[in-house]
């Protein structure tokens, strides 16, 4: 995927797939639904959508009764989101620079991200440091979430080291939580989610486990893991 920086990779041709390719649109919607199930916050909550792209995830947020704000680095994707007439506020921003809400602490009830945070592991030039990008992002994210705020980030790691780096950076900046892997034994269906909490709560952990493992039968069938 990383043949170019995100704002170049997601140019007009790539962005168009998110309005014309039914399979891509369905996958994005399904992963958003799953992320929201993991997030498990009440309707009406204000959610930050990191890497909101063409607004597919935003539409799902609206259908589920959430308020939301989206950030994305790719102008072409944001143009499509605007054309969809989504209700959320859209901001052009590189998450590797942190978040554009530094003066507004505790303003979001939760955060989701679909197919985006793996870009934090990439450097566009010699002056960029992936670890510093991760640190800045998670540091700012922690500050803009309410105490006990939750995050559910679906992502596509290229290596096990990227999984470790992202998880470590989150924990280093105050988060608790862990990695959720749906269908871990399937190369095609496997999905990674980073579940984070801004402040530890056993009730939050217990709620998350109930949602991740809805029943012993489902747990055995889908072989999900929570670490």
C-alpha atoms as a PDB file:
ATOM      1  CA  UNK A   1       0.000   0.000   0.000  1.00  0.00           C
ATOM      2  CA  UNK A   2       2.731   2.451   0.965  1.00  0.00           C
ATOM      3  CA  UNK A   3       4.051   3.206  -2.495  1.00  0.00           C
ATOM      4  CA  UNK A   4       3.656   6.937  -1.779  1.00  0.00           C
ATOM      5  CA  UNK A   5       2.690   9.217   1.116  1.00  0.00           C
ATOM      6  CA  UNK A   6      -0.969   8.870   2.118  1.00  0.00           C
ATOM      7  CA  UNK A   7      -2.036  12.218   0.672  1.00  0.00           C
ATOM      8  CA  UNK A   8      -0.603  11.146  -2.704  1.00  0.00           C
ATOM      9  CA  UNK A   9      -1.630   7.493  -2.568  1.00  0.00           C
ATOM     10  CA  UNK A  10      -5.237   8.480  -1.902  1.00  0.00           C
ATOM     11  CA  UNK A  11      -5.482  10.705  -4.948  1.00  0.00           C
ATOM     12  CA  UNK A  12      -8.509  11.130  -7.189  1.00  0.00           C
ATOM     13  CA  UNK A  13      -8.298   7.670  -8.816  1.00  0.00           C
ATOM     14  CA  UNK A  14      -7.938   5.819  -5.512  1.00  0.00           C
ATOM     15  CA  UNK A  15     -10.566   7.985  -3.826  1.00  0.00           C
ATOM     16  CA  UNK A  16     -13.039   7.237  -6.603  1.00  0.00           C
ATOM     17  CA  UNK A  17     -13.012   3.554  -5.587  1.00  0.00           C
ATOM     18  CA  UNK A  18     -14.689   4.559  -2.358  1.00  0.00           C
ATOM     19  CA  UNK A  19     -17.738   5.739  -4.296  1.00  0.00           C
ATOM     20  CA  UNK A  20     -17.799   3.193  -7.126  1.00  0.00           C
ATOM     21  CA  UNK A  21     -16.443  -0.087  -5.735  1.00  0.00           C
ATOM     22  CA  UNK A  22     -19.263  -1.781  -3.830  1.00  0.00           C
ATOM     23  CA  UNK A  23     -16.942  -4.362  -2.266  1.00  0.00           C
ATOM     24  CA  UNK A  24     -14.615  -1.718  -0.795  1.00  0.00           C
ATOM     25  CA  UNK A  25     -17.551   0.297   0.480  1.00  0.00           C
ATOM     26  CA  UNK A  26     -19.136  -2.746   2.141  1.00  0.00           C
ATOM     27  CA  UNK A  27     -15.868  -3.783   3.788  1.00  0.00           C
ATOM     28  CA  UNK A  28     -15.306  -0.271   5.153  1.00  0.00           C
ATOM     29  CA  UNK A  29     -18.848  -0.167   6.510  1.00  0.00           C
ATOM     30  CA  UNK A  30     -18.558  -3.605   8.119  1.00  0.00           C
ATOM     31  CA  UNK A  31     -15.264  -2.728   9.794  1.00  0.00           C
ATOM     32  CA  UNK A  32     -16.781   0.494  11.107  1.00  0.00           C
ATOM     33  CA  UNK A  33     -19.725  -1.433  12.560  1.00  0.00           C
ATOM     34  CA  UNK A  34     -17.289  -3.798  14.260  1.00  0.00           C
ATOM     35  CA  UNK A  35     -15.215  -0.911  15.620  1.00  0.00           C
ATOM     36  CA  UNK A  36     -18.339   0.686  17.080  1.00  0.00           C
ATOM     37  CA  UNK A  37     -19.362  -2.596  18.693  1.00  0.00           C
ATOM     38  CA  UNK A  38     -15.940  -2.701  20.347  1.00  0.00           C
ATOM     39  CA  UNK A  39     -16.152   0.972  21.306  1.00  0.00           C
ATOM     40  CA  UNK A  40     -19.522   0.491  23.024  1.00  0.00           C
ATOM     41  CA  UNK A  41     -20.323   4.098  23.891  1.00  0.00           C
ATOM     42  CA  UNK A  42     -23.862   5.540  24.148  1.00  0.00           C
ATOM     43  CA  UNK A  43     -25.743   7.125  21.262  1.00  0.00           C
ATOM     44  CA  UNK A  44     -25.209  10.855  21.044  1.00  0.00           C
ATOM     45  CA  UNK A  45     -21.533  10.566  22.022  1.00  0.00           C
ATOM     46  CA  UNK A  46     -19.018  12.729  20.188  1.00  0.00           C
ATOM     47  CA  UNK A  47     -16.583  10.510  18.272  1.00  0.00           C
ATOM     48  CA  UNK A  48     -13.299  11.400  16.589  1.00  0.00           C
ATOM     49  CA  UNK A  49     -12.860   9.561  13.273  1.00  0.00           C
ATOM     50  CA  UNK A  50      -9.117   9.373  12.571  1.00  0.00           C
ATOM     51  CA  UNK A  51      -8.441   8.974   8.857  1.00  0.00           C
ATOM     52  CA  UNK A  52     -12.113   9.513   8.024  1.00  0.00           C
ATOM     53  CA  UNK A  53     -11.420   9.260   4.294  1.00  0.00           C
ATOM     54  CA  UNK A  54     -14.417   9.441   1.989  1.00  0.00           C
ATOM     55  CA  UNK A  55     -16.969   9.533   4.790  1.00  0.00           C
ATOM     56  CA  UNK A  56     -18.111   5.895   4.694  1.00  0.00           C
ATOM     57  CA  UNK A  57     -17.310   5.440   8.380  1.00  0.00           C
ATOM     58  CA  UNK A  58     -18.949   8.782   9.102  1.00  0.00           C
ATOM     59  CA  UNK A  59     -22.199   7.633   7.526  1.00  0.00           C
ATOM     60  CA  UNK A  60     -22.182   4.562   9.748  1.00  0.00           C
ATOM     61  CA  UNK A  61     -21.554   6.781  12.779  1.00  0.00           C
ATOM     62  CA  UNK A  62     -24.559   8.895  11.835  1.00  0.00           C
ATOM     63  CA  UNK A  63     -26.752   5.822  11.330  1.00  0.00           C
ATOM     64  CA  UNK A  64     -25.782   4.619  14.806  1.00  0.00           C
ATOM     65  CA  UNK A  65     -26.736   7.966  16.349  1.00  0.00           C
ATOM     66  CA  UNK A  66     -23.308   9.502  16.999  1.00  0.00           C
ATOM     67  CA  UNK A  67     -21.964  13.008  16.537  1.00  0.00           C
ATOM     68  CA  UNK A  68     -18.525  13.021  14.932  1.00  0.00           C
ATOM     69  CA  UNK A  69     -15.528  14.975  13.697  1.00  0.00           C
ATOM     70  CA  UNK A  70     -13.229  13.527  11.043  1.00  0.00           C
ATOM     71  CA  UNK A  71      -9.599  14.215  10.167  1.00  0.00           C
ATOM     72  CA  UNK A  72      -7.785  13.031   7.065  1.00  0.00           C
ATOM     73  CA  UNK A  73      -4.662  14.047   5.165  1.00  0.00           C
ATOM     74  CA  UNK A  74      -5.975  13.329   1.652  1.00  0.00           C
ATOM     75  CA  UNK A  75      -7.855  16.225  -0.006  1.00  0.00           C
ATOM     76  CA  UNK A  76      -9.402  13.947  -2.648  1.00  0.00           C
ATOM     77  CA  UNK A  77     -10.948  11.740   0.030  1.00  0.00           C
ATOM     78  CA  UNK A  78     -12.286  14.713   1.967  1.00  0.00           C
ATOM     79  CA  UNK A  79     -13.855  16.104  -1.206  1.00  0.00           C
ATOM     80  CA  UNK A  80     -15.786  12.873  -1.640  1.00  0.00           C
ATOM     81  CA  UNK A  81     -16.861  12.987   2.004  1.00  0.00           C
ATOM     82  CA  UNK A  82     -18.130  16.528   1.457  1.00  0.00           C
ATOM     83  CA  UNK A  83     -19.978  15.397  -1.687  1.00  0.00           C
ATOM     84  CA  UNK A  84     -21.698  12.729   0.412  1.00  0.00           C
ATOM     85  CA  UNK A  85     -23.044  15.598   2.532  1.00  0.00           C
ATOM     86  CA  UNK A  86     -21.993  13.892   5.745  1.00  0.00           C
ATOM     87  CA  UNK A  87     -23.033  15.603   8.944  1.00  0.00           C
ATOM     88  CA  UNK A  88     -19.645  15.465  10.667  1.00  0.00           C
ATOM     89  CA  UNK A  89     -17.065  18.235  10.573  1.00  0.00           C
ATOM     90  CA  UNK A  90     -14.142  17.466   8.232  1.00  0.00           C
ATOM     91  CA  UNK A  91     -10.582  18.652   8.864  1.00  0.00           C
ATOM     92  CA  UNK A  92      -7.552  18.206   6.620  1.00  0.00           C
ATOM     93  CA  UNK A  93      -4.804  17.074   8.967  1.00  0.00           C
ATOM     94  CA  UNK A  94      -1.822  14.735   9.253  1.00  0.00           C
ATOM     95  CA  UNK A  95      -2.327  12.597  12.366  1.00  0.00           C
ATOM     96  CA  UNK A  96       1.460  12.230  12.594  1.00  0.00           C
ATOM     97  CA  UNK A  97       1.532  15.895  13.643  1.00  0.00           C
ATOM     98  CA  UNK A  98      -0.718  15.132  16.586  1.00  0.00           C
ATOM     99  CA  UNK A  99      -4.298  16.444  16.628  1.00  0.00           C
ATOM    100  CA  UNK A 100      -5.687  19.926  15.869  1.00  0.00           C
ATOM    101  CA  UNK A 101      -7.530  20.159  19.198  1.00  0.00           C
ATOM    102  CA  UNK A 102      -4.622  20.834  21.542  1.00  0.00           C
ATOM    103  CA  UNK A 103      -6.493  23.621  23.342  1.00  0.00           C
ATOM    104  CA  UNK A 104      -9.626  21.536  23.872  1.00  0.00           C
ATOM    105  CA  UNK A 105      -9.012  18.794  26.405  1.00  0.00           C
ATOM    106  CA  UNK A 106     -11.526  16.041  27.124  1.00  0.00           C
ATOM    107  CA  UNK A 107     -13.843  16.968  24.265  1.00  0.00           C
ATOM    108  CA  UNK A 108     -14.338  13.512  22.692  1.00  0.00           C
ATOM    109  CA  UNK A 109     -16.145  10.540  24.209  1.00  0.00           C
ATOM    110  CA  UNK A 110     -14.313   8.072  21.979  1.00  0.00           C
ATOM    111  CA  UNK A 111     -12.381   7.578  18.761  1.00  0.00           C
ATOM    112  CA  UNK A 112     -12.390   5.161  15.854  1.00  0.00           C
ATOM    113  CA  UNK A 113     -10.106   4.650  12.894  1.00  0.00           C
ATOM    114  CA  UNK A 114     -10.541   2.376   9.894  1.00  0.00           C
ATOM    115  CA  UNK A 115      -7.509   1.342   7.835  1.00  0.00           C
ATOM    116  CA  UNK A 116      -5.437   4.383   8.763  1.00  0.00           C
ATOM    117  CA  UNK A 117      -3.124   4.301  11.784  1.00  0.00           C
ATOM    118  CA  UNK A 118      -0.587   2.040  10.041  1.00  0.00           C
ATOM    119  CA  UNK A 119       0.470   5.201   8.192  1.00  0.00           C
ATOM    120  CA  UNK A 120       2.001   6.434  11.452  1.00  0.00           C
ATOM    121  CA  UNK A 121       4.678   3.777  10.968  1.00  0.00           C
ATOM    122  CA  UNK A 122       5.848   5.367   7.717  1.00  0.00           C
ATOM    123  CA  UNK A 123       8.265   8.231   7.144  1.00  0.00           C
ATOM    124  CA  UNK A 124       7.853  10.330   4.023  1.00  0.00           C
ATOM    125  CA  UNK A 125      11.419  11.641   4.183  1.00  0.00           C
ATOM    126  CA  UNK A 126      14.619  11.396   6.219  1.00  0.00           C
ATOM    127  CA  UNK A 127      13.477  14.133   8.582  1.00  0.00           C
ATOM    128  CA  UNK A 128      10.444  12.182   9.769  1.00  0.00           C
ATOM    129  CA  UNK A 129      10.660   9.708  12.621  1.00  0.00           C
ATOM    130  CA  UNK A 130       7.817   7.153  12.846  1.00  0.00           C
ATOM    131  CA  UNK A 131       8.222   6.773  16.599  1.00  0.00           C
ATOM    132  CA  UNK A 132       7.911  10.545  17.126  1.00  0.00           C
ATOM    133  CA  UNK A 133       4.819  10.562  14.907  1.00  0.00           C
ATOM    134  CA  UNK A 134       3.213   7.811  17.004  1.00  0.00           C
ATOM    135  CA  UNK A 135       4.161   9.539  20.239  1.00  0.00           C
ATOM    136  CA  UNK A 136       2.697  12.872  19.164  1.00  0.00           C
ATOM    137  CA  UNK A 137      -0.513  11.255  17.958  1.00  0.00           C
ATOM    138  CA  UNK A 138      -1.208   9.160  21.058  1.00  0.00           C
ATOM    139  CA  UNK A 139      -0.161  11.962  23.393  1.00  0.00           C
ATOM    140  CA  UNK A 140      -2.644  14.367  21.816  1.00  0.00           C
ATOM    141  CA  UNK A 141      -5.312  11.666  21.549  1.00  0.00           C
ATOM    142  CA  UNK A 142      -5.133  10.958  25.269  1.00  0.00           C
ATOM    143  CA  UNK A 143      -5.579  14.645  26.055  1.00  0.00           C
ATOM    144  CA  UNK A 144      -8.673  15.163  23.871  1.00  0.00           C
ATOM    145  CA  UNK A 145     -10.559  12.135  25.243  1.00  0.00           C
ATOM    146  CA  UNK A 146     -12.710  12.252  28.351  1.00  0.00           C
ATOM    147  CA  UNK A 147     -11.455  10.224  31.304  1.00  0.00           C
ATOM    148  CA  UNK A 148     -12.308   6.630  30.508  1.00  0.00           C
ATOM    149  CA  UNK A 149     -12.736   7.467  26.800  1.00  0.00           C
ATOM    150  CA  UNK A 150     -12.326   4.506  24.466  1.00  0.00           C
ATOM    151  CA  UNK A 151     -10.741   3.937  21.073  1.00  0.00           C
ATOM    152  CA  UNK A 152     -11.212   1.178  18.497  1.00  0.00           C
ATOM    153  CA  UNK A 153      -8.675   1.378  15.678  1.00  0.00           C
ATOM    154  CA  UNK A 154      -8.760  -1.135  12.832  1.00  0.00           C
ATOM    155  CA  UNK A 155      -5.476  -1.189  10.950  1.00  0.00           C
ATOM    156  CA  UNK A 156      -3.359  -3.183   8.496  1.00  0.00           C
ATOM    157  CA  UNK A 157       0.108  -3.816   9.936  1.00  0.00           C
ATOM    158  CA  UNK A 158       2.783  -4.788   7.438  1.00  0.00           C
ATOM    159  CA  UNK A 159       4.939  -6.480  10.083  1.00  0.00           C
ATOM    160  CA  UNK A 160       4.623  -7.725  13.685  1.00  0.00           C
ATOM    161  CA  UNK A 161       7.002  -4.902  14.623  1.00  0.00           C
ATOM    162  CA  UNK A 162       4.431  -2.334  13.530  1.00  0.00           C
ATOM    163  CA  UNK A 163       1.830  -3.923  15.814  1.00  0.00           C
ATOM    164  CA  UNK A 164       4.280  -3.797  18.692  1.00  0.00           C
ATOM    165  CA  UNK A 165       5.346  -0.218  17.946  1.00  0.00           C
ATOM    166  CA  UNK A 166       1.797   1.133  17.795  1.00  0.00           C
ATOM    167  CA  UNK A 167       0.724  -0.716  20.939  1.00  0.00           C
ATOM    168  CA  UNK A 168       3.842   0.362  22.829  1.00  0.00           C
ATOM    169  CA  UNK A 169       3.435   4.001  21.803  1.00  0.00           C
ATOM    170  CA  UNK A 170      -0.178   4.008  23.006  1.00  0.00           C
ATOM    171  CA  UNK A 171       0.674   2.447  26.369  1.00  0.00           C
ATOM    172  CA  UNK A 172       3.664   4.757  26.797  1.00  0.00           C
ATOM    173  CA  UNK A 173       1.323   7.733  26.542  1.00  0.00           C
ATOM    174  CA  UNK A 174      -1.139   6.668  29.207  1.00  0.00           C
ATOM    175  CA  UNK A 175      -3.516   4.276  27.482  1.00  0.00           C
ATOM    176  CA  UNK A 176      -4.508   0.831  28.668  1.00  0.00           C
ATOM    177  CA  UNK A 177      -6.092  -1.873  26.546  1.00  0.00           C
ATOM    178  CA  UNK A 178      -4.723  -4.268  23.982  1.00  0.00           C
ATOM    179  CA  UNK A 179      -4.919  -5.918  20.620  1.00  0.00           C
ATOM    180  CA  UNK A 180      -8.026  -7.664  19.299  1.00  0.00           C
ATOM    181  CA  UNK A 181      -7.598 -10.014  16.344  1.00  0.00           C
ATOM    182  CA  UNK A 182     -10.716 -11.211  14.559  1.00  0.00           C
ATOM    183  CA  UNK A 183     -10.366 -14.534  12.723  1.00  0.00           C
ATOM    184  CA  UNK A 184      -6.667 -14.942  13.656  1.00  0.00           C
ATOM    185  CA  UNK A 185      -6.366 -18.240  11.764  1.00  0.00           C
ATOM    186  CA  UNK A 186      -7.588 -16.830   8.456  1.00  0.00           C
ATOM    187  CA  UNK A 187      -5.142 -14.998   6.198  1.00  0.00           C
ATOM    188  CA  UNK A 188      -7.975 -13.440   4.215  1.00  0.00           C
ATOM    189  CA  UNK A 189     -10.430 -12.517   6.961  1.00  0.00           C
ATOM    190  CA  UNK A 190      -7.983 -11.591   9.740  1.00  0.00           C
ATOM    191  CA  UNK A 191      -8.556  -8.104  11.109  1.00  0.00           C
ATOM    192  CA  UNK A 192      -6.523  -6.185  13.709  1.00  0.00           C
ATOM    193  CA  UNK A 193      -8.131  -3.760  16.140  1.00  0.00           C
ATOM    194  CA  UNK A 194      -6.306  -1.738  18.765  1.00  0.00           C
ATOM    195  CA  UNK A 195      -8.675  -1.220  21.706  1.00  0.00           C
ATOM    196  CA  UNK A 196      -7.576   1.571  24.016  1.00  0.00           C
ATOM    197  CA  UNK A 197      -8.878   3.259  27.143  1.00  0.00           C
ATOM    198  CA  UNK A 198      -7.853   6.682  28.426  1.00  0.00           C
ATOM    199  CA  UNK A 199      -7.638   5.603  32.031  1.00  0.00           C
ATOM    200  CA  UNK A 200      -8.138   2.102  33.382  1.00  0.00           C
ATOM    201  CA  UNK A 201     -11.546   0.867  34.432  1.00  0.00           C
ATOM    202  CA  UNK A 202     -12.350  -2.766  35.198  1.00  0.00           C
ATOM    203  CA  UNK A 203     -15.976  -2.102  34.239  1.00  0.00           C
ATOM    204  CA  UNK A 204     -14.847  -0.901  30.811  1.00  0.00           C
ATOM    205  CA  UNK A 205     -12.671  -3.985  30.376  1.00  0.00           C
ATOM    206  CA  UNK A 206     -15.518  -6.293  31.406  1.00  0.00           C
ATOM    207  CA  UNK A 207     -17.933  -4.553  29.034  1.00  0.00           C
ATOM    208  CA  UNK A 208     -15.419  -4.856  26.204  1.00  0.00           C
ATOM    209  CA  UNK A 209     -14.921  -8.552  26.815  1.00  0.00           C
ATOM    210  CA  UNK A 210     -18.683  -9.157  26.738  1.00  0.00           C
ATOM    211  CA  UNK A 211     -18.936  -7.403  23.382  1.00  0.00           C
ATOM    212  CA  UNK A 212     -15.851  -9.048  21.905  1.00  0.00           C
ATOM    213  CA  UNK A 213     -16.885 -12.497  23.123  1.00  0.00           C
ATOM    214  CA  UNK A 214     -20.657 -12.451  22.910  1.00  0.00           C
ATOM    215  CA  UNK A 215     -20.943 -16.150  23.707  1.00  0.00           C
ATOM    216  CA  UNK A 216     -18.682 -19.201  24.115  1.00  0.00           C
ATOM    217  CA  UNK A 217     -20.034 -20.554  20.839  1.00  0.00           C
ATOM    218  CA  UNK A 218     -19.219 -17.365  18.928  1.00  0.00           C
ATOM    219  CA  UNK A 219     -15.793 -17.184  20.534  1.00  0.00           C
ATOM    220  CA  UNK A 220     -15.006 -20.719  19.374  1.00  0.00           C
ATOM    221  CA  UNK A 221     -16.459 -20.133  15.907  1.00  0.00           C
ATOM    222  CA  UNK A 222     -14.684 -16.860  15.167  1.00  0.00           C
ATOM    223  CA  UNK A 223     -11.507 -17.473  17.202  1.00  0.00           C
ATOM    224  CA  UNK A 224     -11.143 -13.877  18.324  1.00  0.00           C
ATOM    225  CA  UNK A 225      -8.389 -12.962  20.705  1.00  0.00           C
ATOM    226  CA  UNK A 226      -8.028 -10.174  23.253  1.00  0.00           C
ATOM    227  CA  UNK A 227      -4.541  -9.622  24.604  1.00  0.00           C
END
